[in-house]
């Protein structure tokens, strides 16, 4: 998380207003201060919405999920087949 001002200059770290190094969000590529992130994965995403959009779920939501019991289905019973007359081939 550094910026360079020229090809031969030394990289200088990018700091936020709180003198904390700014990171780039994996999803939106914006710079953010990790301590201000609303995401559970603060070192990866700038906000809860980027986390949700990239993963499809949030880590906080995953922690609070409860498994839903599956309904038990009765096995399908086939009706008894009536004996049929053999086919007559002429």
C-alpha atoms as a PDB file:
ATOM      1  CA  UNK A   1       0.000   0.000   0.000  1.00  0.00           C
ATOM      2  CA  UNK A   2       2.483   2.513  -1.179  1.00  0.00           C
ATOM      3  CA  UNK A   3       2.503   5.196  -3.799  1.00  0.00           C
ATOM      4  CA  UNK A   4       5.409   6.266  -5.934  1.00  0.00           C
ATOM      5  CA  UNK A   5       5.837   9.728  -7.386  1.00  0.00           C
ATOM      6  CA  UNK A   6       8.341   8.804 -10.050  1.00  0.00           C
ATOM      7  CA  UNK A   7      10.247   5.877 -11.494  1.00  0.00           C
ATOM      8  CA  UNK A   8      13.355   6.506  -9.362  1.00  0.00           C
ATOM      9  CA  UNK A   9      11.771   7.772  -6.142  1.00  0.00           C
ATOM     10  CA  UNK A  10      11.352   5.620  -3.054  1.00  0.00           C
ATOM     11  CA  UNK A  11       7.816   4.449  -2.322  1.00  0.00           C
ATOM     12  CA  UNK A  12       6.052   6.295   0.476  1.00  0.00           C
ATOM     13  CA  UNK A  13       3.246   4.606   2.399  1.00  0.00           C
ATOM     14  CA  UNK A  14      -0.234   6.105   2.092  1.00  0.00           C
ATOM     15  CA  UNK A  15      -1.652   7.087   5.458  1.00  0.00           C
ATOM     16  CA  UNK A  16      -5.166   8.088   6.423  1.00  0.00           C
ATOM     17  CA  UNK A  17      -6.215  10.953   8.692  1.00  0.00           C
ATOM     18  CA  UNK A  18      -5.433   8.878  11.806  1.00  0.00           C
ATOM     19  CA  UNK A  19      -1.860   8.121  10.629  1.00  0.00           C
ATOM     20  CA  UNK A  20      -2.972   4.593   9.877  1.00  0.00           C
ATOM     21  CA  UNK A  21      -1.882   2.912   6.656  1.00  0.00           C
ATOM     22  CA  UNK A  22      -4.631   2.807   4.036  1.00  0.00           C
ATOM     23  CA  UNK A  23      -5.414  -0.430   2.206  1.00  0.00           C
ATOM     24  CA  UNK A  24      -7.163  -1.087  -1.110  1.00  0.00           C
ATOM     25  CA  UNK A  25     -10.509  -2.882  -1.103  1.00  0.00           C
ATOM     26  CA  UNK A  26     -10.393  -6.194  -2.954  1.00  0.00           C
ATOM     27  CA  UNK A  27     -13.757  -5.591  -4.619  1.00  0.00           C
ATOM     28  CA  UNK A  28     -13.948  -1.878  -5.448  1.00  0.00           C
ATOM     29  CA  UNK A  29     -10.213  -0.980  -5.391  1.00  0.00           C
ATOM     30  CA  UNK A  30     -10.847   2.140  -3.245  1.00  0.00           C
ATOM     31  CA  UNK A  31      -8.442   3.081  -0.472  1.00  0.00           C
ATOM     32  CA  UNK A  32      -9.776   2.771   3.080  1.00  0.00           C
ATOM     33  CA  UNK A  33      -8.614   2.821   6.684  1.00  0.00           C
ATOM     34  CA  UNK A  34      -9.095  -0.684   8.173  1.00  0.00           C
ATOM     35  CA  UNK A  35     -10.245   0.613  11.574  1.00  0.00           C
ATOM     36  CA  UNK A  36     -13.170   2.430   9.874  1.00  0.00           C
ATOM     37  CA  UNK A  37     -14.298  -0.574   7.804  1.00  0.00           C
ATOM     38  CA  UNK A  38     -17.752  -2.008   8.555  1.00  0.00           C
ATOM     39  CA  UNK A  39     -16.746  -5.408   7.171  1.00  0.00           C
ATOM     40  CA  UNK A  40     -15.909  -8.409   9.348  1.00  0.00           C
ATOM     41  CA  UNK A  41     -12.905  -8.935   7.073  1.00  0.00           C
ATOM     42  CA  UNK A  42     -11.427  -5.459   7.685  1.00  0.00           C
ATOM     43  CA  UNK A  43      -8.105  -6.149   5.963  1.00  0.00           C
ATOM     44  CA  UNK A  44      -9.839  -7.229   2.746  1.00  0.00           C
ATOM     45  CA  UNK A  45     -12.997  -5.124   2.243  1.00  0.00           C
ATOM     46  CA  UNK A  46     -13.787  -1.459   2.836  1.00  0.00           C
ATOM     47  CA  UNK A  47     -17.397  -2.069   3.850  1.00  0.00           C
ATOM     48  CA  UNK A  48     -20.050  -4.614   4.633  1.00  0.00           C
ATOM     49  CA  UNK A  49     -21.546  -4.136   1.167  1.00  0.00           C
ATOM     50  CA  UNK A  50     -18.279  -4.999  -0.624  1.00  0.00           C
ATOM     51  CA  UNK A  51     -17.926  -8.114   1.531  1.00  0.00           C
ATOM     52  CA  UNK A  52     -21.508  -9.140   0.794  1.00  0.00           C
ATOM     53  CA  UNK A  53     -21.178  -8.386  -2.924  1.00  0.00           C
ATOM     54  CA  UNK A  54     -17.912 -10.276  -3.351  1.00  0.00           C
ATOM     55  CA  UNK A  55     -18.645 -13.349  -1.217  1.00  0.00           C
ATOM     56  CA  UNK A  56     -22.418 -13.499  -1.636  1.00  0.00           C
ATOM     57  CA  UNK A  57     -22.792 -13.596   2.162  1.00  0.00           C
ATOM     58  CA  UNK A  58     -21.323 -11.814   5.145  1.00  0.00           C
ATOM     59  CA  UNK A  59     -19.158 -13.467   7.767  1.00  0.00           C
ATOM     60  CA  UNK A  60     -21.340 -12.016  10.540  1.00  0.00           C
ATOM     61  CA  UNK A  61     -24.451 -13.456   8.876  1.00  0.00           C
ATOM     62  CA  UNK A  62     -22.738 -16.815   8.477  1.00  0.00           C
ATOM     63  CA  UNK A  63     -21.950 -16.905  12.196  1.00  0.00           C
ATOM     64  CA  UNK A  64     -25.615 -16.399  13.101  1.00  0.00           C
ATOM     65  CA  UNK A  65     -27.109 -18.812  10.576  1.00  0.00           C
ATOM     66  CA  UNK A  66     -29.097 -21.733  11.881  1.00  0.00           C
ATOM     67  CA  UNK A  67     -29.490 -24.894   9.839  1.00  0.00           C
ATOM     68  CA  UNK A  68     -33.015 -25.541   8.651  1.00  0.00           C
ATOM     69  CA  UNK A  69     -34.214 -29.119   9.191  1.00  0.00           C
ATOM     70  CA  UNK A  70     -35.096 -30.882   5.983  1.00  0.00           C
ATOM     71  CA  UNK A  71     -38.613 -32.233   5.618  1.00  0.00           C
ATOM     72  CA  UNK A  72     -38.598 -36.009   5.608  1.00  0.00           C
ATOM     73  CA  UNK A  73     -40.330 -37.275   2.520  1.00  0.00           C
ATOM     74  CA  UNK A  74     -42.158 -40.585   2.502  1.00  0.00           C
ATOM     75  CA  UNK A  75     -40.789 -42.994  -0.069  1.00  0.00           C
ATOM     76  CA  UNK A  76     -42.855 -43.130  -3.217  1.00  0.00           C
ATOM     77  CA  UNK A  77     -44.961 -46.277  -3.343  1.00  0.00           C
ATOM     78  CA  UNK A  78     -45.701 -47.618  -6.775  1.00  0.00           C
ATOM     79  CA  UNK A  79     -49.215 -48.995  -7.275  1.00  0.00           C
ATOM     80  CA  UNK A  80     -49.398 -52.736  -7.648  1.00  0.00           C
ATOM     81  CA  UNK A  81     -49.414 -53.811 -11.251  1.00  0.00           C
ATOM     82  CA  UNK A  82     -52.319 -55.952 -12.334  1.00  0.00           C
ATOM     83  CA  UNK A  83     -51.388 -59.051 -14.333  1.00  0.00           C
ATOM     84  CA  UNK A  84     -52.022 -58.365 -17.967  1.00  0.00           C
ATOM     85  CA  UNK A  85     -52.729 -60.770 -20.744  1.00  0.00           C
ATOM     86  CA  UNK A  86     -49.736 -61.613 -22.896  1.00  0.00           C
ATOM     87  CA  UNK A  87     -49.627 -59.898 -26.224  1.00  0.00           C
ATOM     88  CA  UNK A  88     -50.625 -62.085 -29.159  1.00  0.00           C
ATOM     89  CA  UNK A  89     -48.274 -61.857 -32.097  1.00  0.00           C
ATOM     90  CA  UNK A  90     -49.709 -62.972 -35.430  1.00  0.00           C
END
